[in-house]
Protein backbone atom coordinates (compact mmCIF):
# COMPACT_ATOMS: atom_id res chain seq x y z
CA ARG A 1 -12.84 8.78 -5.31
CA GLY A 2 -10.30 10.49 -7.97
CA PHE A 3 -9.74 12.73 -10.55
CA SER A 4 -11.94 12.66 -13.95
CA GLY A 5 -9.90 15.45 -15.84
CA GLY A 6 -13.68 17.15 -16.82
CA THR A 7 -14.37 20.45 -16.77
CA ARG A 8 -15.11 20.54 -13.27
CA ASP A 9 -12.16 19.54 -12.74
CA MET A 10 -9.77 21.52 -14.71
CA TYR A 11 -12.10 24.71 -13.66
CA GLN A 12 -12.54 23.81 -9.63
CA GLU A 13 -7.96 23.60 -10.60
CA VAL A 14 -8.44 20.10 -8.41
CA LEU A 15 -5.98 18.90 -10.47
CA LYS A 16 -3.25 21.92 -10.00
CA PHE A 17 -4.43 21.43 -5.89
CA GLY A 18 -3.21 17.63 -5.74
CA ALA A 19 -0.07 18.20 -7.11
CA GLN A 20 0.47 20.72 -5.14
CA ILE A 21 -0.02 18.16 -1.96
CA VAL A 22 1.93 15.69 -4.02
CA ASP A 23 5.31 18.32 -3.50
CA ALA A 24 4.69 19.52 0.07
CA LEU A 25 4.47 15.26 0.96
CA VAL A 26 7.77 14.38 -1.42
CA ASP A 27 9.84 17.07 1.18
CA TYR A 28 8.05 16.81 3.91
CA LYS A 29 10.53 15.63 7.13
CA HIS A 30 7.87 14.48 10.21
CA PRO A 31 5.65 11.74 10.62
CA VAL A 32 2.81 11.61 7.73
CA PHE A 33 -0.05 9.55 9.01
CA VAL A 34 -3.13 8.42 6.23
CA TYR A 35 -5.73 6.62 7.92
CA ILE A 36 -8.89 5.91 5.70
CA PRO A 37 -11.63 5.73 9.01
CA PRO A 38 -14.48 3.47 8.66
CA GLY A 39 -16.75 3.47 6.35
CA GLY A 40 -14.33 6.11 4.19
CA GLU A 41 -12.89 4.89 -0.08
CA LEU A 42 -10.44 5.87 -1.14
CA ARG A 43 -9.70 5.34 -4.79
CA GLY A 44 -7.69 6.95 -8.12
CA GLY A 45 -6.28 9.75 -8.16
CA SER A 46 -7.21 10.44 -4.33
CA TRP A 47 -4.97 8.01 -3.70
CA VAL A 48 -2.02 8.57 -5.77
CA VAL A 49 -1.94 12.15 -4.12
CA ILE A 50 -1.53 10.99 -0.11
CA ASP A 51 0.54 7.48 -1.31
CA PRO A 52 3.18 6.85 1.03
CA SER A 53 5.23 5.91 -2.22
CA ILE A 54 5.76 9.05 -2.21
CA ASN A 55 7.78 9.76 0.55
CA PRO A 56 8.67 6.59 1.81
CA ASP A 57 10.80 7.64 4.92
CA GLN A 58 8.22 9.54 6.86
CA MET A 59 4.97 8.39 5.29
CA GLU A 60 2.42 5.38 6.81
CA MET A 61 -1.24 4.82 5.70
CA TYR A 62 -3.83 2.73 8.01
CA ALA A 63 -7.03 1.51 7.14
CA ASP A 64 -10.06 0.49 9.17
CA VAL A 65 -11.41 -3.14 8.81
CA GLU A 66 -14.29 -1.09 7.62
CA SER A 67 -13.32 1.03 4.83
CA ARG A 68 -11.77 0.03 1.05
CA GLY A 69 -9.61 1.20 -0.73
CA GLY A 70 -8.18 0.64 -4.44
CA ILE A 71 -7.51 2.19 -7.76
CA LEU A 72 -11.60 1.69 -8.93
CA GLU A 73 -14.80 0.36 -7.08
CA PRO A 74 -16.42 -3.32 -7.49
CA PRO A 75 -18.65 -2.74 -9.92
CA GLY A 76 -16.23 -0.64 -12.62
CA ILE A 77 -13.65 -3.85 -11.73
CA VAL A 78 -15.91 -6.02 -13.56
CA GLU A 79 -16.46 -4.20 -15.54
CA VAL A 80 -13.33 -4.55 -17.03
CA LYS A 81 -11.89 -8.17 -16.04
CA PHE A 82 -15.49 -9.71 -15.85
CA ARG A 83 -17.19 -8.87 -19.07
CA ALA A 84 -20.17 -10.24 -20.32
CA ALA A 85 -18.79 -12.14 -22.41
CA GLN A 86 -16.32 -14.23 -19.72
CA GLN A 87 -19.80 -14.54 -17.29
CA LYS A 88 -21.76 -16.00 -20.01
CA GLU A 89 -18.38 -18.38 -20.79
CA MET A 90 -18.53 -18.86 -16.87
CA MET A 91 -22.56 -19.77 -16.75
CA HIS A 92 -22.02 -22.81 -19.17
CA ARG A 93 -19.39 -24.20 -17.57
CA LEU A 94 -21.32 -24.31 -14.27
CA ASP A 95 -24.67 -23.99 -14.60
CA PRO A 96 -26.22 -27.71 -15.14
CA GLU A 97 -29.29 -26.69 -16.89
CA LEU A 98 -26.85 -24.61 -19.17
CA GLN A 99 -25.27 -28.08 -19.70
CA SER A 100 -28.02 -29.02 -20.17
CA LEU A 101 -29.40 -26.66 -22.99
CA ASP A 102 -25.89 -26.68 -24.44
CA ALA A 103 -26.02 -30.40 -25.06
CA GLN A 104 -29.44 -31.42 -26.33
CA LEU A 105 -28.10 -27.97 -28.95
CA GLU A 106 -25.43 -30.05 -30.47
CA GLY A 107 -26.76 -32.82 -30.65
CA SER A 108 -30.14 -31.03 -32.56
CA LEU A 109 -27.54 -29.28 -34.96
CA SER A 110 -25.89 -32.35 -35.07
CA ALA A 111 -28.37 -34.42 -36.52
CA GLU A 112 -30.22 -31.60 -38.53
CA ALA A 113 -33.23 -32.55 -36.23
CA PRO A 114 -36.03 -29.23 -35.76
CA GLY A 115 -35.56 -27.25 -32.43
CA ALA A 116 -32.93 -25.99 -32.43
CA ASP A 117 -34.39 -22.08 -32.05
CA ASP A 118 -36.59 -23.12 -29.73
CA ILE A 119 -33.57 -24.94 -27.47
CA GLN A 120 -31.39 -21.42 -28.29
CA SER A 121 -34.80 -19.00 -26.78
CA LYS A 122 -34.13 -21.20 -23.60
CA ILE A 123 -30.10 -20.89 -23.04
CA ASN A 124 -30.07 -16.82 -23.88
CA ALA A 125 -33.50 -16.90 -21.33
CA ARG A 126 -31.02 -18.81 -19.20
CA GLU A 127 -28.35 -16.77 -19.60
CA VAL A 128 -30.38 -13.18 -18.91
CA LYS A 129 -31.97 -14.67 -16.06
CA LEU A 130 -28.28 -15.17 -14.37
CA ALA A 131 -26.97 -12.37 -15.47
CA PRO A 132 -27.56 -10.33 -12.21
CA LEU A 133 -26.31 -13.14 -10.14
CA TYR A 134 -23.46 -13.25 -11.53
CA THR A 135 -22.85 -9.69 -11.78
CA GLN A 136 -23.49 -9.58 -7.94
CA ILE A 137 -21.05 -12.80 -6.74
CA ALA A 138 -18.49 -11.38 -9.73
CA CYS A 139 -18.81 -7.59 -7.70
CA GLU A 140 -18.45 -9.30 -4.14
CA PHE A 141 -15.59 -10.77 -5.39
CA ALA A 142 -13.77 -7.08 -6.53
CA ASP A 143 -14.32 -5.68 -3.29
CA LEU A 144 -12.86 -8.65 -1.61
CA HIS A 145 -9.68 -7.42 -2.90
CA ASP A 146 -10.03 -3.71 -2.05
CA ARG A 147 -11.04 -4.82 1.54
CA THR A 148 -8.52 -4.30 4.87
CA GLY A 149 -6.55 -7.58 4.41
CA ARG A 150 -6.27 -7.87 0.29
CA MET A 151 -4.55 -3.94 0.73
CA GLU A 152 -2.07 -4.68 4.18
CA ALA A 153 -1.49 -8.13 1.97
CA LYS A 154 -0.37 -6.29 -0.37
CA GLY A 155 2.04 -3.50 1.26
CA VAL A 156 -0.04 -0.81 0.52
CA ILE A 157 -0.94 0.03 4.05
CA ARG A 158 0.86 -0.99 7.15
CA LYS A 159 -2.06 -2.57 9.19
CA GLY A 160 -5.47 -3.03 9.60
CA LEU A 161 -6.70 -1.04 12.86
CA GLU A 162 -11.09 -0.91 14.52
CA TRP A 163 -11.93 2.00 15.16
CA LYS A 164 -12.26 2.03 18.90
CA ARG A 165 -8.24 1.63 19.22
CA ALA A 166 -7.22 3.76 16.72
CA ARG A 167 -6.67 6.77 18.71
CA GLU A 168 -4.86 4.79 21.15
CA PHE A 169 -2.76 2.87 18.42
CA PHE A 170 -2.01 6.86 17.70
CA TYR A 171 -0.96 7.91 20.61
CA TRP A 172 1.47 5.20 20.85
CA ARG A 173 2.32 5.20 16.59
CA VAL A 174 3.26 8.76 17.12
CA LYS A 175 5.17 9.31 19.89
CA ALA A 176 7.33 6.39 18.82
CA ARG A 177 7.84 7.73 15.58
CA LEU A 178 9.12 10.87 17.63
CA LEU A 179 11.28 9.88 19.64
CA CYS A 180 13.18 6.86 17.03
CA ALA A 181 13.16 10.40 14.89
CA GLU A 182 15.26 11.89 17.84
CA VAL A 183 18.04 9.23 17.81
CA GLU A 184 17.71 8.96 14.19
CA ARG A 185 18.97 12.77 13.62
CA GLU A 186 21.15 12.36 16.51
CA ILE A 187 22.73 8.85 14.33
CA CYS A 188 22.66 11.07 11.67
CA SER A 189 24.72 14.02 12.25
CA ALA A 190 27.24 11.46 13.64
CA ASP A 191 27.81 10.31 10.59
CA SER A 192 26.80 13.04 7.89
CA ALA A 193 27.58 9.66 4.83
CA LEU A 194 24.74 7.70 6.49
CA SER A 195 21.35 8.50 4.91
CA LEU A 196 17.44 9.10 6.39
CA THR A 197 16.33 5.44 5.70
CA ALA A 198 20.57 3.64 6.63
CA ALA A 199 19.63 5.45 10.22
CA LYS A 200 15.63 3.75 10.72
CA GLU A 201 17.98 0.54 9.30
CA LEU A 202 19.71 0.96 12.07
CA VAL A 203 17.65 2.56 15.44
CA SER A 204 14.53 -0.49 13.70
CA GLY A 205 17.62 -3.07 14.27
CA TRP A 206 18.68 -2.07 17.38
CA LEU A 207 15.52 -2.52 18.70
CA SER A 208 14.49 -6.29 17.42
CA GLU A 209 17.75 -6.85 19.44
CA ALA A 210 17.10 -5.28 22.09
CA GLY A 211 13.16 -7.32 22.04
CA LYS A 212 11.29 -4.36 21.74
CA THR A 213 8.15 -4.60 18.61
CA GLU A 214 5.25 -2.52 19.97
CA ASP A 215 4.78 0.99 19.68
CA LYS A 216 4.38 1.32 24.04
CA ASP A 217 7.11 -0.83 24.82
CA VAL A 218 9.26 1.24 22.09
CA CYS A 219 8.18 4.37 24.24
CA ALA A 220 8.70 3.35 27.39
CA PHE A 221 12.82 1.86 26.44
CA LEU A 222 13.98 4.53 23.99
CA GLU A 223 12.32 7.39 26.75
CA GLU A 224 15.60 6.37 28.60
CA ALA A 225 18.07 6.93 26.02
CA PRO A 226 19.49 3.31 26.06
CA PHE A 227 21.56 4.10 22.47
CA ALA A 228 23.30 7.11 23.69
CA SER A 229 26.99 4.49 23.57
CA LYS A 230 25.42 3.39 20.17
CA VAL A 231 25.12 6.80 18.27
CA GLU A 232 28.70 7.03 19.71
CA GLY A 233 29.80 4.30 18.51
CA VAL A 234 28.60 5.04 15.07
CA LYS A 235 30.18 8.67 15.61
CA ILE A 236 33.61 7.04 16.11
CA GLU A 237 33.72 4.99 13.15
CA ALA A 238 32.51 7.22 11.14
CA THR A 239 35.18 9.55 12.54
CA LYS A 240 37.65 6.98 12.07
CA ARG A 241 36.88 6.66 8.46
CA ARG A 242 37.12 10.65 7.18
CA VAL A 243 40.72 10.53 9.65
CA ARG A 244 41.87 6.63 7.23
CA GLU A 245 40.67 8.74 3.52
CA LEU A 246 42.19 11.83 4.80
CA TYR A 247 45.49 9.50 5.42
CA GLU A 248 45.20 8.11 2.47
CA SER A 249 44.08 11.13 -0.08
CA LEU A 250 48.31 12.54 1.24
CA PRO A 251 50.88 11.92 -1.27
CA ASP A 252 52.95 8.51 -1.00
CA GLY A 253 56.17 10.63 0.19
CA GLU A 254 53.67 12.62 3.30
CA LYS A 255 52.50 9.08 4.65
CA ALA A 256 55.44 8.41 7.38
CA SER A 257 55.17 12.33 8.59
CA ALA A 258 51.55 12.20 9.20
CA LEU A 259 52.21 9.57 11.85
CA LYS A 260 54.65 10.93 13.74
């Protein structure tokens, strides 16, 4: 759930080991999958340690539809974003009984009539009665922001999964990632100027052109080595580019003789 920074965490070297996890993930060269299981919660500093932005080329995060994720838990969000004063303001805006009491109090004060204290007491009692209900609703609303749909919409996870299909999904996903990684390495070897990200974009574009988007289809397709000619084309273009660069680096008097 995170790092408190207190004496216990410091004694157990929680921050130190968390930093070691980040250091290891930054330089890791193989696919990494993070999965929040059913009923699991990922919060605060624990999220920071395994966030895919640490190594976006290799890391992917998934969450079960029954899991939760976010920096603060719902009660904490409510304490920060929906304080008592804001709750009371909403009560007076939405509750008919409070609206009636507010009108009575305003009329009593304007007419300087007795009974204002009694009306204020009723208002306070009504606010106390409504407070648990508003807090519960606020916590439920905050909880909606921690669910899979919202995490996926914000782009912090790649996809929401159901537990009964998770094993099958990861089998094909891991296999597809490994097959794609093999093609990406061939591309980077063919053109050393290309970054891994650029190689990934190339492979993704080629798969889209072939109409292969599902992991199972991608696996069956890549096992036939369909991109050998495309990788060779990348190598040829890289060679042409290097030859042009070498030619342009020659002195003007030597360029003509280089073409003989």
